Amino acid sequence: MSSHPFLNAPRDPSRLRWLFAALSLAALLAGLEGWAVADHLYWRYVWSDTVMHFLGGMMSGSLAVGLLRTFRPLRFILVVAVIAFGWEAYEIAIGTPHALNYAFDTSLDLLMDALGALLIYAIARRTIWR
């Protein structure tokens, strides 16, 4: 029998709800991303990227809560950070146009990812991680 924390996890319906929330948020983000690119929303509404990163933080936070069996704040931060920094690396890899204030823009993206995840963390602390 494996000792992997995810493989031996009991079937907990509340954890499945968090995973479904992460999947729903990912689908919402995919739809919004398609719309934003097709209609040039990122260029017409500069703040739209900020909203997307906040929703991305909520998605990664929901995924972290769904994957972790118990309250593990450092692991939660690690999962969220890997996703956030991974997304920023992906944006560089696909050649996303950089603003003149690239460092500020990236910092704001990471801040919004963190705030979205913090909202999910607060909800989890009041519900599943009491």
N, C-alpha and C. Protein backbone atom coordinates (compact mmCIF):
# COMPACT_ATOMS: atom_id res chain seq x y z
N MET A 1 0.84 -1.18 0.00
CA MET A 1 0.00 0.00 0.00
C MET A 1 0.88 1.24 0.00
N SER A 2 0.51 2.21 -0.81
CA SER A 2 1.29 3.43 -0.95
C SER A 2 1.07 4.35 0.24
N SER A 3 2.10 5.13 0.57
CA SER A 3 1.96 6.09 1.66
C SER A 3 1.80 7.51 1.13
N HIS A 4 1.51 7.63 -0.15
CA HIS A 4 1.32 8.95 -0.77
C HIS A 4 0.08 9.61 -0.17
N PRO A 5 0.18 10.89 0.26
CA PRO A 5 -0.93 11.54 0.96
C PRO A 5 -2.18 11.71 0.10
N PHE A 6 -2.03 11.81 -1.22
CA PHE A 6 -3.19 12.00 -2.06
C PHE A 6 -3.84 10.68 -2.44
N LEU A 7 -3.02 9.62 -2.60
CA LEU A 7 -3.56 8.35 -3.04
C LEU A 7 -4.33 7.63 -1.94
N ASN A 8 -3.97 7.83 -0.69
CA ASN A 8 -4.63 7.17 0.42
C ASN A 8 -5.69 8.04 1.08
N ALA A 9 -6.03 9.14 0.46
CA ALA A 9 -6.99 10.06 1.05
C ALA A 9 -8.37 9.43 1.10
N PRO A 10 -9.06 9.57 2.23
CA PRO A 10 -10.42 9.05 2.31
C PRO A 10 -11.33 9.85 1.39
N ARG A 11 -12.40 9.21 0.97
CA ARG A 11 -13.37 9.91 0.11
C ARG A 11 -14.19 10.85 0.97
N ASP A 12 -13.85 12.09 0.89
CA ASP A 12 -14.49 13.12 1.69
C ASP A 12 -15.28 14.02 0.76
N PRO A 13 -16.62 14.02 0.87
CA PRO A 13 -17.41 14.84 -0.04
C PRO A 13 -17.09 16.33 0.02
N SER A 14 -16.66 16.82 1.19
CA SER A 14 -16.35 18.25 1.27
C SER A 14 -15.09 18.57 0.46
N ARG A 15 -14.13 17.65 0.43
CA ARG A 15 -12.93 17.86 -0.39
C ARG A 15 -13.30 17.82 -1.86
N LEU A 16 -14.21 16.93 -2.23
CA LEU A 16 -14.63 16.87 -3.63
C LEU A 16 -15.31 18.16 -4.05
N ARG A 17 -16.03 18.80 -3.14
CA ARG A 17 -16.65 20.09 -3.45
C ARG A 17 -15.59 21.14 -3.78
N TRP A 18 -14.48 21.12 -3.03
CA TRP A 18 -13.40 22.07 -3.29
C TRP A 18 -12.76 21.78 -4.65
N LEU A 19 -12.58 20.51 -4.97
CA LEU A 19 -12.02 20.17 -6.27
C LEU A 19 -12.97 20.56 -7.40
N PHE A 20 -14.26 20.38 -7.19
CA PHE A 20 -15.24 20.80 -8.19
C PHE A 20 -15.23 22.32 -8.34
N ALA A 21 -15.06 23.03 -7.23
CA ALA A 21 -14.94 24.49 -7.30
C ALA A 21 -13.72 24.90 -8.12
N ALA A 22 -12.60 24.20 -7.91
CA ALA A 22 -11.39 24.50 -8.68
C ALA A 22 -11.63 24.23 -10.17
N LEU A 23 -12.29 23.13 -10.47
CA LEU A 23 -12.60 22.80 -11.87
C LEU A 23 -13.54 23.84 -12.48
N SER A 24 -14.53 24.26 -11.73
CA SER A 24 -15.48 25.27 -12.22
C SER A 24 -14.78 26.60 -12.47
N LEU A 25 -13.91 26.99 -11.54
CA LEU A 25 -13.16 28.24 -11.72
C LEU A 25 -12.21 28.15 -12.91
N ALA A 26 -11.60 26.97 -13.10
CA ALA A 26 -10.71 26.79 -14.26
C ALA A 26 -11.50 26.91 -15.56
N ALA A 27 -12.70 26.33 -15.60
CA ALA A 27 -13.54 26.44 -16.80
C ALA A 27 -13.95 27.89 -17.04
N LEU A 28 -14.31 28.59 -15.96
CA LEU A 28 -14.67 30.01 -16.08
C LEU A 28 -13.49 30.82 -16.62
N LEU A 29 -12.31 30.56 -16.06
CA LEU A 29 -11.10 31.27 -16.51
C LEU A 29 -10.82 30.97 -17.99
N ALA A 30 -10.97 29.72 -18.40
CA ALA A 30 -10.72 29.37 -19.80
C ALA A 30 -11.69 30.12 -20.72
N GLY A 31 -12.95 30.17 -20.33
CA GLY A 31 -13.94 30.89 -21.13
C GLY A 31 -13.66 32.38 -21.19
N LEU A 32 -13.34 32.96 -20.04
CA LEU A 32 -13.02 34.38 -19.99
C LEU A 32 -11.75 34.70 -20.78
N GLU A 33 -10.77 33.81 -20.70
CA GLU A 33 -9.52 34.00 -21.44
C GLU A 33 -9.78 34.01 -22.94
N GLY A 34 -10.58 33.06 -23.41
CA GLY A 34 -10.92 33.03 -24.83
C GLY A 34 -11.61 34.30 -25.27
N TRP A 35 -12.56 34.75 -24.47
CA TRP A 35 -13.29 35.98 -24.78
C TRP A 35 -12.36 37.20 -24.76
N ALA A 36 -11.52 37.26 -23.73
CA ALA A 36 -10.62 38.41 -23.57
C ALA A 36 -9.64 38.51 -24.73
N VAL A 37 -9.12 37.39 -25.18
CA VAL A 37 -8.17 37.41 -26.29
C VAL A 37 -8.89 37.73 -27.60
N ALA A 38 -10.04 37.10 -27.82
CA ALA A 38 -10.78 37.31 -29.07
C ALA A 38 -11.24 38.75 -29.23
N ASP A 39 -11.68 39.37 -28.14
CA ASP A 39 -12.19 40.74 -28.21
C ASP A 39 -11.19 41.79 -27.72
N HIS A 40 -9.92 41.38 -27.55
CA HIS A 40 -8.85 42.31 -27.14
C HIS A 40 -9.16 43.04 -25.83
N LEU A 41 -9.78 42.32 -24.91
CA LEU A 41 -10.17 42.96 -23.64
C LEU A 41 -8.96 43.35 -22.79
N TYR A 42 -7.87 42.59 -22.90
CA TYR A 42 -6.69 42.92 -22.11
C TYR A 42 -6.10 44.27 -22.54
N TRP A 43 -6.30 44.66 -23.77
CA TRP A 43 -5.77 45.92 -24.26
C TRP A 43 -6.78 47.06 -24.09
N ARG A 44 -8.07 46.73 -24.16
CA ARG A 44 -9.10 47.76 -23.98
C ARG A 44 -9.34 48.08 -22.52
N TYR A 45 -9.30 47.05 -21.67
CA TYR A 45 -9.54 47.22 -20.22
C TYR A 45 -8.32 46.67 -19.48
N VAL A 46 -7.43 47.53 -19.13
CA VAL A 46 -6.16 47.12 -18.52
C VAL A 46 -6.39 46.33 -17.24
N TRP A 47 -7.45 46.63 -16.51
CA TRP A 47 -7.74 45.98 -15.23
C TRP A 47 -8.22 44.53 -15.41
N SER A 48 -8.56 44.11 -16.62
CA SER A 48 -9.10 42.75 -16.80
C SER A 48 -8.09 41.68 -16.43
N ASP A 49 -6.81 41.93 -16.66
CA ASP A 49 -5.78 40.97 -16.27
C ASP A 49 -5.73 40.80 -14.75
N THR A 50 -5.98 41.88 -14.04
CA THR A 50 -6.00 41.84 -12.57
C THR A 50 -7.12 40.94 -12.08
N VAL A 51 -8.29 41.06 -12.68
CA VAL A 51 -9.43 40.22 -12.30
C VAL A 51 -9.14 38.75 -12.60
N MET A 52 -8.52 38.51 -13.75
CA MET A 52 -8.20 37.13 -14.13
C MET A 52 -7.22 36.50 -13.13
N HIS A 53 -6.25 37.28 -12.68
CA HIS A 53 -5.29 36.73 -11.72
C HIS A 53 -5.95 36.51 -10.35
N PHE A 54 -6.87 37.34 -9.97
CA PHE A 54 -7.60 37.11 -8.72
C PHE A 54 -8.39 35.80 -8.81
N LEU A 55 -9.09 35.59 -9.93
CA LEU A 55 -9.82 34.34 -10.13
C LEU A 55 -8.87 33.14 -10.20
N GLY A 56 -7.71 33.35 -10.80
CA GLY A 56 -6.70 32.29 -10.85
C GLY A 56 -6.20 31.92 -9.47
N GLY A 57 -6.04 32.91 -8.61
CA GLY A 57 -5.66 32.63 -7.22
C GLY A 57 -6.74 31.86 -6.49
N MET A 58 -8.00 32.22 -6.76
CA MET A 58 -9.11 31.47 -6.16
C MET A 58 -9.11 30.02 -6.65
N MET A 59 -8.83 29.83 -7.93
CA MET A 59 -8.80 28.48 -8.48
C MET A 59 -7.67 27.66 -7.87
N SER A 60 -6.47 28.24 -7.80
CA SER A 60 -5.35 27.48 -7.24
C SER A 60 -5.55 27.24 -5.74
N GLY A 61 -6.14 28.19 -5.04
CA GLY A 61 -6.44 27.97 -3.62
C GLY A 61 -7.46 26.87 -3.42
N SER A 62 -8.50 26.84 -4.26
CA SER A 62 -9.51 25.78 -4.17
C SER A 62 -8.89 24.42 -4.46
N LEU A 63 -8.00 24.38 -5.44
CA LEU A 63 -7.32 23.13 -5.76
C LEU A 63 -6.48 22.68 -4.57
N ALA A 64 -5.75 23.60 -3.96
CA ALA A 64 -4.92 23.25 -2.81
C ALA A 64 -5.76 22.72 -1.66
N VAL A 65 -6.89 23.36 -1.37
CA VAL A 65 -7.76 22.90 -0.28
C VAL A 65 -8.29 21.50 -0.61
N GLY A 66 -8.67 21.29 -1.86
CA GLY A 66 -9.20 19.99 -2.25
C GLY A 66 -8.17 18.88 -2.19
N LEU A 67 -6.91 19.20 -2.45
CA LEU A 67 -5.86 18.18 -2.45
C LEU A 67 -5.34 17.87 -1.05
N LEU A 68 -5.31 18.86 -0.19
CA LEU A 68 -4.76 18.65 1.15
C LEU A 68 -5.81 18.06 2.08
N ARG A 69 -5.48 16.97 2.73
CA ARG A 69 -6.45 16.30 3.62
C ARG A 69 -6.69 17.09 4.90
N THR A 70 -5.65 17.74 5.37
CA THR A 70 -5.76 18.46 6.65
C THR A 70 -5.18 19.86 6.48
N PHE A 71 -5.35 20.66 7.50
CA PHE A 71 -4.85 22.03 7.50
C PHE A 71 -3.33 22.02 7.48
N ARG A 72 -2.76 22.42 6.37
CA ARG A 72 -1.31 22.49 6.17
C ARG A 72 -0.98 23.81 5.48
N PRO A 73 -0.82 24.88 6.26
CA PRO A 73 -0.63 26.20 5.64
C PRO A 73 0.57 26.30 4.71
N LEU A 74 1.69 25.69 5.05
CA LEU A 74 2.87 25.79 4.19
C LEU A 74 2.67 25.06 2.88
N ARG A 75 2.01 23.92 2.94
CA ARG A 75 1.73 23.19 1.69
C ARG A 75 0.72 23.95 0.84
N PHE A 76 -0.24 24.59 1.48
CA PHE A 76 -1.20 25.42 0.76
C PHE A 76 -0.46 26.53 0.01
N ILE A 77 0.44 27.22 0.70
CA ILE A 77 1.22 28.30 0.08
C ILE A 77 2.07 27.75 -1.05
N LEU A 78 2.67 26.59 -0.86
CA LEU A 78 3.52 25.98 -1.88
C LEU A 78 2.72 25.68 -3.15
N VAL A 79 1.55 25.07 -3.01
CA VAL A 79 0.71 24.75 -4.18
C VAL A 79 0.33 26.03 -4.92
N VAL A 80 -0.13 27.02 -4.18
CA VAL A 80 -0.54 28.29 -4.80
C VAL A 80 0.65 28.97 -5.48
N ALA A 81 1.80 28.99 -4.82
CA ALA A 81 2.98 29.65 -5.39
C ALA A 81 3.46 28.94 -6.65
N VAL A 82 3.46 27.63 -6.64
CA VAL A 82 3.90 26.89 -7.84
C VAL A 82 2.99 27.21 -9.02
N ILE A 83 1.69 27.26 -8.79
CA ILE A 83 0.75 27.58 -9.87
C ILE A 83 0.95 29.01 -10.34
N ALA A 84 1.06 29.95 -9.41
CA ALA A 84 1.20 31.37 -9.77
C ALA A 84 2.49 31.63 -10.55
N PHE A 85 3.61 31.14 -10.03
CA PHE A 85 4.88 31.35 -10.72
C PHE A 85 4.93 30.56 -12.02
N GLY A 86 4.30 29.39 -12.02
CA GLY A 86 4.22 28.60 -13.25
C GLY A 86 3.46 29.33 -14.34
N TRP A 87 2.37 30.01 -13.95
CA TRP A 87 1.61 30.78 -14.93
C TRP A 87 2.43 31.94 -15.48
N GLU A 88 3.16 32.62 -14.62
CA GLU A 88 4.00 33.71 -15.09
C GLU A 88 5.08 33.19 -16.04
N ALA A 89 5.66 32.03 -15.76
CA ALA A 89 6.65 31.43 -16.66
C ALA A 89 5.99 31.06 -18.00
N TYR A 90 4.76 30.56 -17.93
CA TYR A 90 4.01 30.24 -19.15
C TYR A 90 3.79 31.49 -19.99
N GLU A 91 3.42 32.60 -19.35
CA GLU A 91 3.21 33.84 -20.09
C GLU A 91 4.49 34.28 -20.81
N ILE A 92 5.63 34.09 -20.17
CA ILE A 92 6.91 34.42 -20.81
C ILE A 92 7.18 33.46 -21.96
N ALA A 93 6.93 32.17 -21.74
CA ALA A 93 7.23 31.14 -22.75
C ALA A 93 6.40 31.33 -24.02
N ILE A 94 5.15 31.77 -23.89
CA ILE A 94 4.33 31.93 -25.09
C ILE A 94 4.51 33.29 -25.74
N GLY A 95 5.35 34.12 -25.14
CA GLY A 95 5.65 35.41 -25.73
C GLY A 95 4.58 36.46 -25.53
N THR A 96 3.94 36.44 -24.37
CA THR A 96 2.95 37.47 -24.06
C THR A 96 3.62 38.84 -24.13
N PRO A 97 3.00 39.78 -24.83
CA PRO A 97 3.61 41.12 -24.91
C PRO A 97 3.83 41.71 -23.52
N HIS A 98 5.00 42.27 -23.32
CA HIS A 98 5.35 42.85 -22.03
C HIS A 98 5.10 44.35 -22.04
N ALA A 99 4.56 44.82 -20.95
CA ALA A 99 4.38 46.26 -20.79
C ALA A 99 5.73 46.87 -20.42
N LEU A 100 5.80 48.17 -20.55
CA LEU A 100 7.02 48.87 -20.16
C LEU A 100 7.31 48.68 -18.68
N ASN A 101 6.25 48.52 -17.91
CA ASN A 101 6.39 48.34 -16.47
C ASN A 101 6.23 46.85 -16.12
N TYR A 102 7.01 46.00 -16.79
CA TYR A 102 6.88 44.55 -16.66
C TYR A 102 7.02 44.08 -15.21
N ALA A 103 7.99 44.59 -14.48
CA ALA A 103 8.20 44.15 -13.09
C ALA A 103 6.98 44.49 -12.24
N PHE A 104 6.43 45.69 -12.41
CA PHE A 104 5.24 46.08 -11.66
C PHE A 104 4.05 45.20 -12.05
N ASP A 105 3.88 44.96 -13.34
CA ASP A 105 2.76 44.15 -13.82
C ASP A 105 2.84 42.73 -13.26
N THR A 106 4.02 42.14 -13.29
CA THR A 106 4.20 40.79 -12.76
C THR A 106 3.96 40.77 -11.26
N SER A 107 4.44 41.78 -10.56
CA SER A 107 4.22 41.86 -9.11
C SER A 107 2.73 41.98 -8.79
N LEU A 108 2.03 42.79 -9.57
CA LEU A 108 0.59 42.93 -9.37
C LEU A 108 -0.13 41.61 -9.66
N ASP A 109 0.29 40.91 -10.71
CA ASP A 109 -0.30 39.60 -11.03
C ASP A 109 -0.13 38.64 -9.85
N LEU A 110 1.07 38.57 -9.31
CA LEU A 110 1.33 37.65 -8.19
C LEU A 110 0.57 38.08 -6.93
N LEU A 111 0.45 39.38 -6.71
CA LEU A 111 -0.32 39.87 -5.57
C LEU A 111 -1.79 39.47 -5.71
N MET A 112 -2.35 39.62 -6.89
CA MET A 112 -3.76 39.27 -7.09
C MET A 112 -3.96 37.76 -6.97
N ASP A 113 -2.99 36.96 -7.45
CA ASP A 113 -3.05 35.51 -7.24
C ASP A 113 -3.09 35.20 -5.75
N ALA A 114 -2.23 35.87 -5.00
CA ALA A 114 -2.15 35.65 -3.55
C ALA A 114 -3.44 36.08 -2.85
N LEU A 115 -4.02 37.21 -3.26
CA LEU A 115 -5.26 37.68 -2.62
C LEU A 115 -6.43 36.74 -2.92
N GLY A 116 -6.51 36.24 -4.14
CA GLY A 116 -7.55 35.27 -4.48
C GLY A 116 -7.40 34.00 -3.65
N ALA A 117 -6.16 33.52 -3.52
CA ALA A 117 -5.91 32.34 -2.71
C ALA A 117 -6.18 32.61 -1.23
N LEU A 118 -5.87 33.82 -0.77
CA LEU A 118 -6.11 34.18 0.63
C LEU A 118 -7.61 34.16 0.94
N LEU A 119 -8.43 34.60 0.02
CA LEU A 119 -9.88 34.53 0.20
C LEU A 119 -10.32 33.08 0.38
N ILE A 120 -9.82 32.20 -0.45
CA ILE A 120 -10.16 30.78 -0.35
C ILE A 120 -9.63 30.20 0.96
N TYR A 121 -8.44 30.59 1.34
CA TYR A 121 -7.85 30.13 2.61
C TYR A 121 -8.75 30.52 3.78
N ALA A 122 -9.22 31.76 3.78
CA ALA A 122 -10.10 32.23 4.86
C ALA A 122 -11.40 31.44 4.90
N ILE A 123 -11.96 31.16 3.73
CA ILE A 123 -13.19 30.36 3.68
C ILE A 123 -12.92 28.95 4.18
N ALA A 124 -11.80 28.36 3.78
CA ALA A 124 -11.46 27.00 4.21
C ALA A 124 -11.24 26.94 5.72
N ARG A 125 -10.63 27.96 6.29
CA ARG A 125 -10.39 27.97 7.74
C ARG A 125 -11.71 28.03 8.50
N ARG A 126 -12.73 28.61 7.92
CA ARG A 126 -14.04 28.70 8.59
C ARG A 126 -14.93 27.49 8.28
N THR A 127 -14.52 26.67 7.34
CA THR A 127 -15.37 25.53 6.96
C THR A 127 -14.62 24.21 7.16
N ILE A 128 -13.95 23.74 6.14
CA ILE A 128 -13.33 22.42 6.15
C ILE A 128 -12.13 22.32 7.10
N TRP A 129 -11.41 23.41 7.31
CA TRP A 129 -10.22 23.39 8.15
C TRP A 129 -10.44 24.06 9.50
N ARG A 130 -11.58 23.85 10.12
CA ARG A 130 -11.85 24.43 11.45
C ARG A 130 -10.98 23.83 12.50
